[in-house]
């Protein structure tokens, strides 16, 4: 039996790190890669590769970093600290959202959709650690997810962007 998505990623509301609403509808026609990020993690250098991915595939892809402090308290900073860290250390210019919970009782609706087959219509998953990646297609449909060890420029991801 095939599950059908009960909502679209375009229906979900989230804000930028600066508190401005993000309208995912503006990204129709492009794939979106959501990544739960943290500034004090062994995978933090992936920020640089995520920026490279965004720059390389800017016509087909939007990278969105989603700060989360649920794994080893590795994202303790506030909005200003996170923004400054990303820009100064990694030259990040892609969108960074407000800090949210990606699992548990306070899970943000974005991650409820990304991790729940009954909502995304395709697959259940659990966010295991920082820098897990979720790819959404150009029509707002769930495509796939990748564990933290998958590098942003991996062919597992880039094959969907060519």
N, C-alpha and C. Protein backbone atom coordinates (compact mmCIF):
# COMPACT_ATOMS: atom_id res chain seq x y z
N UNK A 1 0.84 -1.18 0.00
CA UNK A 1 0.00 0.00 0.00
C UNK A 1 0.89 1.25 0.00
N UNK A 2 0.59 2.19 -0.84
CA UNK A 2 1.38 3.41 -0.96
C UNK A 2 0.71 4.53 -0.17
N UNK A 3 1.48 5.14 0.71
CA UNK A 3 0.96 6.28 1.47
C UNK A 3 0.96 7.51 0.58
N UNK A 4 0.01 8.36 0.78
CA UNK A 4 0.00 9.62 0.06
C UNK A 4 0.23 10.74 1.06
N UNK A 5 0.96 11.73 0.62
CA UNK A 5 1.28 12.84 1.50
C UNK A 5 0.00 13.59 1.88
N UNK A 6 -0.12 13.91 3.15
CA UNK A 6 -1.30 14.62 3.62
C UNK A 6 -1.09 16.13 3.57
N UNK A 7 0.13 16.55 3.39
CA UNK A 7 0.42 17.97 3.25
C UNK A 7 1.69 18.12 2.42
N UNK A 8 1.92 19.32 1.97
CA UNK A 8 3.12 19.62 1.20
C UNK A 8 4.11 20.37 2.08
N UNK A 9 5.37 20.25 1.74
CA UNK A 9 6.39 21.04 2.46
C UNK A 9 6.07 22.53 2.30
N UNK A 10 5.38 22.89 1.22
CA UNK A 10 5.04 24.29 0.98
C UNK A 10 4.02 24.83 1.98
N UNK A 11 3.34 23.94 2.70
CA UNK A 11 2.34 24.36 3.70
C UNK A 11 2.97 24.65 5.06
N UNK A 12 4.23 24.31 5.24
CA UNK A 12 4.88 24.40 6.56
C UNK A 12 5.48 25.78 6.76
N UNK A 13 5.32 26.28 7.97
CA UNK A 13 5.84 27.61 8.32
C UNK A 13 7.05 27.48 9.23
N UNK A 14 8.07 28.27 8.94
CA UNK A 14 9.26 28.36 9.77
C UNK A 14 9.87 29.74 9.52
N UNK A 15 10.67 30.21 10.45
CA UNK A 15 11.28 31.53 10.32
C UNK A 15 12.78 31.41 10.10
N UNK A 16 13.35 32.48 9.57
CA UNK A 16 14.80 32.57 9.44
C UNK A 16 15.39 32.80 10.82
N UNK A 17 16.69 32.72 10.89
CA UNK A 17 17.41 32.99 12.12
C UNK A 17 17.13 34.41 12.63
N UNK A 18 16.81 35.31 11.69
CA UNK A 18 16.50 36.70 12.06
C UNK A 18 15.02 36.90 12.37
N UNK A 19 14.22 35.83 12.34
CA UNK A 19 12.81 35.93 12.70
C UNK A 19 11.86 36.25 11.57
N UNK A 20 12.36 36.25 10.34
CA UNK A 20 11.50 36.52 9.18
C UNK A 20 10.87 35.22 8.68
N UNK A 21 9.59 35.23 8.31
CA UNK A 21 8.97 34.00 7.80
C UNK A 21 9.59 33.57 6.47
N UNK A 22 9.73 32.27 6.30
CA UNK A 22 10.22 31.70 5.04
C UNK A 22 9.02 31.10 4.32
N UNK A 23 8.83 31.50 3.08
CA UNK A 23 7.77 30.93 2.25
C UNK A 23 8.41 29.93 1.30
N UNK A 24 8.26 28.64 1.62
CA UNK A 24 8.87 27.61 0.78
C UNK A 24 8.32 27.61 -0.64
N UNK A 25 7.13 28.21 -0.85
CA UNK A 25 6.54 28.29 -2.20
C UNK A 25 7.50 28.98 -3.17
N UNK A 26 8.30 29.92 -2.66
CA UNK A 26 9.22 30.65 -3.54
C UNK A 26 10.28 29.74 -4.16
N UNK A 27 10.42 28.53 -3.63
CA UNK A 27 11.42 27.61 -4.13
C UNK A 27 10.84 26.55 -5.07
N UNK A 28 9.56 26.67 -5.42
CA UNK A 28 8.98 25.73 -6.38
C UNK A 28 9.83 25.76 -7.64
N UNK A 29 10.08 24.59 -8.19
CA UNK A 29 10.93 24.47 -9.37
C UNK A 29 12.38 24.16 -9.02
N UNK A 30 12.72 24.21 -7.73
CA UNK A 30 14.05 23.84 -7.26
C UNK A 30 13.93 22.78 -6.18
N UNK A 31 14.95 21.97 -6.07
CA UNK A 31 15.01 21.03 -4.96
C UNK A 31 15.45 21.79 -3.71
N UNK A 32 15.08 21.27 -2.55
CA UNK A 32 15.48 21.88 -1.28
C UNK A 32 16.19 20.81 -0.47
N UNK A 33 17.37 21.14 0.05
CA UNK A 33 18.09 20.25 0.95
C UNK A 33 18.05 20.87 2.35
N UNK A 34 17.34 20.19 3.25
CA UNK A 34 17.27 20.60 4.65
C UNK A 34 18.34 19.85 5.43
N UNK A 35 19.10 20.58 6.24
CA UNK A 35 20.17 19.97 7.03
C UNK A 35 20.10 20.51 8.45
N UNK A 36 19.97 19.61 9.44
CA UNK A 36 20.01 20.08 10.82
C UNK A 36 21.48 20.30 11.19
N UNK A 37 21.79 21.55 11.53
CA UNK A 37 23.18 21.97 11.69
C UNK A 37 23.51 22.30 13.14
N UNK A 38 24.80 22.29 13.45
CA UNK A 38 25.30 22.63 14.77
C UNK A 38 26.74 23.14 14.64
N UNK A 39 27.09 24.12 15.46
CA UNK A 39 28.40 24.76 15.31
C UNK A 39 29.53 24.10 16.10
N UNK A 40 29.20 23.14 16.96
CA UNK A 40 30.25 22.51 17.77
C UNK A 40 30.26 21.00 17.58
N UNK A 41 30.13 20.57 16.33
CA UNK A 41 30.01 19.15 15.99
C UNK A 41 31.19 18.74 15.11
N UNK A 42 31.55 17.48 15.16
CA UNK A 42 32.60 16.97 14.27
C UNK A 42 32.25 17.12 12.80
N UNK A 43 30.96 17.21 12.49
CA UNK A 43 30.52 17.38 11.10
C UNK A 43 30.39 18.85 10.70
N UNK A 44 30.65 19.77 11.62
CA UNK A 44 30.48 21.20 11.34
C UNK A 44 31.24 21.67 10.09
N UNK A 45 32.43 21.13 9.77
CA UNK A 45 33.09 21.55 8.53
C UNK A 45 32.25 21.30 7.27
N UNK A 46 31.18 20.51 7.38
CA UNK A 46 30.30 20.32 6.23
C UNK A 46 29.62 21.62 5.81
N UNK A 47 29.61 22.63 6.69
CA UNK A 47 29.07 23.93 6.29
C UNK A 47 29.72 24.40 4.99
N UNK A 48 31.05 24.22 4.90
CA UNK A 48 31.78 24.67 3.71
C UNK A 48 31.29 23.93 2.47
N UNK A 49 31.14 22.61 2.58
CA UNK A 49 30.68 21.80 1.44
C UNK A 49 29.21 22.08 1.12
N UNK A 50 28.41 22.40 2.13
CA UNK A 50 27.02 22.77 1.87
C UNK A 50 26.96 24.07 1.07
N UNK A 51 27.84 25.01 1.40
CA UNK A 51 27.90 26.26 0.64
C UNK A 51 28.36 25.98 -0.79
N UNK A 52 29.34 25.09 -0.95
CA UNK A 52 29.81 24.71 -2.29
C UNK A 52 28.67 24.07 -3.08
N UNK A 53 27.90 23.20 -2.43
CA UNK A 53 26.76 22.56 -3.09
C UNK A 53 25.75 23.61 -3.54
N UNK A 54 25.43 24.56 -2.66
CA UNK A 54 24.50 25.64 -2.99
C UNK A 54 25.02 26.45 -4.17
N UNK A 55 26.31 26.81 -4.14
CA UNK A 55 26.89 27.62 -5.20
C UNK A 55 26.93 26.87 -6.53
N UNK A 56 27.28 25.59 -6.48
CA UNK A 56 27.41 24.78 -7.69
C UNK A 56 26.07 24.53 -8.37
N UNK A 57 25.05 24.29 -7.58
CA UNK A 57 23.74 23.90 -8.13
C UNK A 57 22.66 24.95 -7.86
N UNK A 58 23.07 26.23 -7.79
CA UNK A 58 22.13 27.29 -7.41
C UNK A 58 20.92 27.41 -8.32
N UNK A 59 21.03 26.94 -9.55
CA UNK A 59 19.88 26.99 -10.46
C UNK A 59 18.86 25.89 -10.17
N UNK A 60 19.29 24.83 -9.47
CA UNK A 60 18.42 23.67 -9.23
C UNK A 60 18.15 23.41 -7.76
N UNK A 61 18.84 24.09 -6.85
CA UNK A 61 18.83 23.70 -5.45
C UNK A 61 18.87 24.89 -4.50
N UNK A 62 18.17 24.73 -3.38
CA UNK A 62 18.26 25.66 -2.26
C UNK A 62 18.67 24.84 -1.04
N UNK A 63 19.75 25.23 -0.39
CA UNK A 63 20.18 24.59 0.85
C UNK A 63 19.63 25.41 2.01
N UNK A 64 19.04 24.72 2.98
CA UNK A 64 18.51 25.39 4.16
C UNK A 64 19.06 24.70 5.40
N UNK A 65 19.84 25.45 6.19
CA UNK A 65 20.38 24.95 7.44
C UNK A 65 19.37 25.17 8.56
N UNK A 66 19.22 24.15 9.40
CA UNK A 66 18.23 24.19 10.48
C UNK A 66 18.96 23.91 11.81
N UNK A 67 19.34 24.96 12.54
CA UNK A 67 20.05 24.76 13.80
C UNK A 67 19.22 23.96 14.81
N UNK A 68 19.91 23.07 15.50
CA UNK A 68 19.27 22.21 16.48
C UNK A 68 20.28 21.91 17.59
N UNK A 69 19.82 21.94 18.82
CA UNK A 69 20.70 21.71 19.97
C UNK A 69 20.37 20.38 20.67
N UNK A 70 19.78 19.43 19.95
CA UNK A 70 19.33 18.19 20.57
C UNK A 70 20.36 17.07 20.58
N UNK A 71 21.48 17.27 19.94
CA UNK A 71 22.49 16.22 19.86
C UNK A 71 23.77 16.71 20.51
N UNK A 72 24.01 16.27 21.73
CA UNK A 72 25.23 16.63 22.45
C UNK A 72 25.34 18.10 22.80
N UNK A 73 24.22 18.83 22.81
CA UNK A 73 24.24 20.28 23.10
C UNK A 73 25.29 20.99 22.25
N UNK A 74 25.34 20.63 20.96
CA UNK A 74 26.38 21.15 20.07
C UNK A 74 25.96 22.41 19.31
N UNK A 75 24.77 22.94 19.61
CA UNK A 75 24.35 24.23 19.05
C UNK A 75 23.75 25.08 20.16
N UNK A 76 24.60 25.50 21.12
CA UNK A 76 24.09 26.24 22.28
C UNK A 76 23.81 27.72 22.01
N UNK A 77 24.32 28.25 20.92
CA UNK A 77 24.26 29.69 20.68
C UNK A 77 22.88 30.23 20.38
N UNK A 78 22.78 31.58 20.47
CA UNK A 78 21.56 32.26 20.08
C UNK A 78 21.66 32.61 18.59
N UNK A 79 20.64 33.26 18.07
CA UNK A 79 20.57 33.56 16.63
C UNK A 79 21.80 34.34 16.16
N UNK A 80 22.19 35.38 16.89
CA UNK A 80 23.33 36.20 16.47
C UNK A 80 24.62 35.41 16.47
N UNK A 81 24.83 34.60 17.51
CA UNK A 81 26.04 33.79 17.62
C UNK A 81 26.11 32.79 16.47
N UNK A 82 25.00 32.14 16.17
CA UNK A 82 24.96 31.14 15.09
C UNK A 82 25.25 31.80 13.75
N UNK A 83 24.57 32.92 13.46
CA UNK A 83 24.77 33.62 12.19
C UNK A 83 26.22 34.06 12.02
N UNK A 84 26.77 34.66 13.05
CA UNK A 84 28.15 35.13 12.99
C UNK A 84 29.12 33.97 12.78
N UNK A 85 28.92 32.89 13.51
CA UNK A 85 29.77 31.71 13.38
C UNK A 85 29.76 31.18 11.94
N UNK A 86 28.57 31.04 11.37
CA UNK A 86 28.45 30.49 10.01
C UNK A 86 29.10 31.39 8.96
N UNK A 87 28.89 32.69 9.09
CA UNK A 87 29.45 33.63 8.11
C UNK A 87 30.96 33.74 8.24
N UNK A 88 31.45 33.93 9.45
CA UNK A 88 32.88 34.16 9.65
C UNK A 88 33.70 32.90 9.37
N UNK A 89 33.27 31.77 9.88
CA UNK A 89 34.07 30.55 9.78
C UNK A 89 33.89 29.79 8.47
N UNK A 90 32.71 29.91 7.85
CA UNK A 90 32.45 29.07 6.67
C UNK A 90 31.90 29.85 5.47
N UNK A 91 31.74 31.14 5.58
CA UNK A 91 31.25 31.94 4.46
C UNK A 91 29.85 31.56 4.04
N UNK A 92 29.04 31.10 4.98
CA UNK A 92 27.69 30.62 4.66
C UNK A 92 26.80 31.78 4.23
N UNK A 93 26.18 31.63 3.07
CA UNK A 93 25.20 32.62 2.62
C UNK A 93 23.83 31.97 2.38
N UNK A 94 23.75 30.64 2.52
CA UNK A 94 22.44 30.00 2.34
C UNK A 94 21.57 30.28 3.56
N UNK A 95 20.30 30.00 3.44
CA UNK A 95 19.32 30.29 4.49
C UNK A 95 19.58 29.44 5.73
N UNK A 96 19.54 30.10 6.87
CA UNK A 96 19.59 29.40 8.16
C UNK A 96 18.27 29.75 8.87
N UNK A 97 17.58 28.73 9.35
CA UNK A 97 16.31 28.95 10.03
C UNK A 97 16.53 29.23 11.52
N UNK A 98 15.43 29.51 12.18
CA UNK A 98 15.43 29.60 13.64
C UNK A 98 15.84 28.24 14.21
N UNK A 99 16.34 28.24 15.43
CA UNK A 99 16.74 26.99 16.08
C UNK A 99 15.47 26.25 16.51
N UNK A 100 15.40 24.94 16.17
CA UNK A 100 14.20 24.15 16.45
C UNK A 100 14.58 22.78 17.01
N UNK A 101 13.56 22.03 17.42
CA UNK A 101 13.72 20.62 17.76
C UNK A 101 13.37 19.79 16.53
N UNK A 102 14.23 18.83 16.20
CA UNK A 102 14.00 17.98 15.03
C UNK A 102 13.44 16.62 15.41
N UNK A 103 13.29 16.38 16.71
CA UNK A 103 12.74 15.11 17.19
C UNK A 103 12.09 15.36 18.55
N UNK A 104 11.34 14.37 19.03
CA UNK A 104 10.77 14.46 20.36
C UNK A 104 9.43 15.17 20.41
N UNK A 105 8.98 15.44 21.63
CA UNK A 105 7.63 15.97 21.83
C UNK A 105 7.46 17.39 21.30
N UNK A 106 8.54 18.14 21.18
CA UNK A 106 8.47 19.52 20.66
C UNK A 106 8.97 19.59 19.21
N UNK A 107 8.96 18.46 18.50
CA UNK A 107 9.43 18.41 17.11
C UNK A 107 8.69 19.45 16.26
N UNK A 108 9.46 20.21 15.51
CA UNK A 108 8.89 21.23 14.62
C UNK A 108 8.11 20.54 13.50
N UNK A 109 7.03 21.15 13.02
CA UNK A 109 6.25 20.56 11.92
C UNK A 109 7.07 20.24 10.67
N UNK A 110 8.12 21.01 10.39
CA UNK A 110 8.97 20.70 9.23
C UNK A 110 9.57 19.32 9.37
N UNK A 111 10.13 19.02 10.54
CA UNK A 111 10.76 17.73 10.74
C UNK A 111 9.74 16.62 10.97
N UNK A 112 8.56 16.96 11.44
CA UNK A 112 7.48 15.96 11.49
C UNK A 112 7.18 15.51 10.07
N UNK A 113 7.11 16.46 9.14
CA UNK A 113 6.83 16.13 7.72
C UNK A 113 7.99 15.35 7.11
N UNK A 114 9.22 15.80 7.35
CA UNK A 114 10.38 15.14 6.75
C UNK A 114 10.56 13.71 7.24
N UNK A 115 10.16 13.41 8.47
CA UNK A 115 10.45 12.11 9.06
C UNK A 115 9.25 11.17 9.17
N UNK A 116 8.09 11.58 8.70
CA UNK A 116 6.87 10.80 8.91
C UNK A 116 6.20 10.46 7.59
N UNK A 117 6.18 9.19 7.24
CA UNK A 117 5.59 8.72 5.98
C UNK A 117 4.13 9.13 5.83
N UNK A 118 3.40 9.16 6.94
CA UNK A 118 1.98 9.54 6.84
C UNK A 118 1.82 11.00 6.42
N UNK A 119 2.86 11.80 6.59
CA UNK A 119 2.81 13.21 6.17
C UNK A 119 3.50 13.44 4.84
N UNK A 120 4.68 12.81 4.64
CA UNK A 120 5.43 13.06 3.40
C UNK A 120 5.08 12.09 2.28
N UNK A 121 4.36 11.02 2.61
CA UNK A 121 3.89 10.08 1.60
C UNK A 121 4.92 9.09 1.11
N UNK A 122 6.12 9.14 1.63
CA UNK A 122 7.16 8.28 1.07
C UNK A 122 7.90 7.43 2.09
N UNK A 123 8.36 8.02 3.21
CA UNK A 123 9.30 7.28 4.06
C UNK A 123 9.33 7.81 5.48
N UNK A 124 9.44 6.89 6.42
CA UNK A 124 9.71 7.24 7.82
C UNK A 124 11.21 7.27 8.04
N UNK A 125 11.65 8.12 8.96
CA UNK A 125 13.06 8.13 9.35
C UNK A 125 13.17 8.74 10.74
N UNK A 126 14.34 8.59 11.32
CA UNK A 126 14.66 9.24 12.58
C UNK A 126 15.90 10.08 12.37
N UNK A 127 15.89 11.28 12.92
CA UNK A 127 17.10 12.11 12.86
C UNK A 127 18.04 11.57 13.92
N UNK A 128 19.20 11.08 13.47
CA UNK A 128 20.14 10.42 14.38
C UNK A 128 21.20 11.35 14.96
N UNK A 129 21.57 12.40 14.19
CA UNK A 129 22.65 13.28 14.64
C UNK A 129 22.62 14.55 13.82
N UNK A 130 23.48 15.48 14.18
CA UNK A 130 23.63 16.73 13.43
C UNK A 130 24.07 16.44 11.99
N UNK A 131 23.67 17.30 11.08
CA UNK A 131 24.04 17.26 9.67
C UNK A 131 23.42 16.08 8.91
N UNK A 132 22.28 15.57 9.40
CA UNK A 132 21.49 14.64 8.59
C UNK A 132 20.78 15.50 7.55
N UNK A 133 20.67 14.97 6.34
CA UNK A 133 20.18 15.76 5.22
C UNK A 133 18.89 15.17 4.65
N UNK A 134 17.95 16.05 4.28
CA UNK A 134 16.68 15.65 3.68
C UNK A 134 16.49 16.41 2.38
N UNK A 135 16.24 15.68 1.30
CA UNK A 135 16.09 16.28 -0.02
C UNK A 135 14.63 16.23 -0.46
N UNK A 136 14.14 17.40 -0.86
CA UNK A 136 12.77 17.56 -1.33
C UNK A 136 12.84 17.94 -2.81
N UNK A 137 11.93 17.37 -3.62
CA UNK A 137 11.99 17.64 -5.06
C UNK A 137 11.42 19.01 -5.43
N UNK A 138 11.48 19.33 -6.71
CA UNK A 138 11.09 20.67 -7.17
C UNK A 138 9.60 20.93 -7.09
N UNK A 139 8.81 19.91 -6.76
CA UNK A 139 7.37 20.06 -6.58
C UNK A 139 6.97 19.96 -5.11
N UNK A 140 7.96 19.95 -4.22
CA UNK A 140 7.68 19.89 -2.79
C UNK A 140 7.46 18.49 -2.26
N UNK A 141 7.82 17.47 -3.05
CA UNK A 141 7.67 16.08 -2.61
C UNK A 141 8.96 15.56 -1.99
N UNK A 142 8.80 14.66 -1.04
CA UNK A 142 9.95 14.06 -0.37
C UNK A 142 10.72 13.19 -1.36
N UNK A 143 12.05 13.35 -1.42
CA UNK A 143 12.89 12.53 -2.29
C UNK A 143 13.65 11.47 -1.51
N UNK A 144 14.50 11.90 -0.57
CA UNK A 144 15.36 10.96 0.14
C UNK A 144 16.00 11.66 1.34
N UNK A 145 16.66 10.87 2.17
CA UNK A 145 17.43 11.44 3.25
C UNK A 145 18.78 10.75 3.33
N UNK A 146 19.74 11.42 3.99
CA UNK A 146 21.12 10.96 4.04
C UNK A 146 21.65 11.19 5.45
N UNK A 147 22.33 10.21 5.98
CA UNK A 147 22.91 10.35 7.32
C UNK A 147 24.06 11.34 7.30
N UNK A 148 24.49 11.75 8.47
CA UNK A 148 25.52 12.77 8.64
C UNK A 148 26.81 12.47 7.89
N UNK A 149 27.16 11.19 7.79
CA UNK A 149 28.43 10.84 7.14
C UNK A 149 28.40 11.07 5.63
N UNK A 150 27.23 11.24 5.04
CA UNK A 150 27.14 11.53 3.60
C UNK A 150 27.57 12.97 3.38
N UNK A 151 28.64 13.13 2.63
CA UNK A 151 29.16 14.47 2.35
C UNK A 151 28.21 15.21 1.42
N UNK A 152 28.07 16.52 1.60
CA UNK A 152 27.15 17.29 0.76
C UNK A 152 27.39 17.15 -0.74
N UNK A 153 28.62 17.03 -1.18
CA UNK A 153 28.92 16.91 -2.62
C UNK A 153 28.93 15.45 -3.09
N UNK A 154 28.47 14.53 -2.26
CA UNK A 154 28.40 13.12 -2.62
C UNK A 154 27.50 12.92 -3.84
N UNK A 155 27.87 11.97 -4.68
CA UNK A 155 27.04 11.67 -5.85
C UNK A 155 25.67 11.14 -5.43
N UNK A 156 25.55 10.63 -4.21
CA UNK A 156 24.24 10.19 -3.73
C UNK A 156 23.26 11.37 -3.71
N UNK A 157 23.78 12.56 -3.48
CA UNK A 157 22.95 13.78 -3.48
C UNK A 157 22.99 14.45 -4.85
N UNK A 158 24.19 14.66 -5.40
CA UNK A 158 24.30 15.45 -6.63
C UNK A 158 23.66 14.78 -7.86
N UNK A 159 23.50 13.46 -7.82
CA UNK A 159 22.84 12.81 -8.97
C UNK A 159 21.42 13.32 -9.17
N UNK A 160 20.81 13.84 -8.11
CA UNK A 160 19.44 14.38 -8.20
C UNK A 160 19.43 15.83 -8.71
N UNK A 161 20.60 16.44 -8.84
CA UNK A 161 20.67 17.86 -9.13
C UNK A 161 21.11 18.19 -10.54
N UNK A 162 21.46 17.18 -11.30
CA UNK A 162 22.01 17.41 -12.65
C UNK A 162 20.92 17.46 -13.68
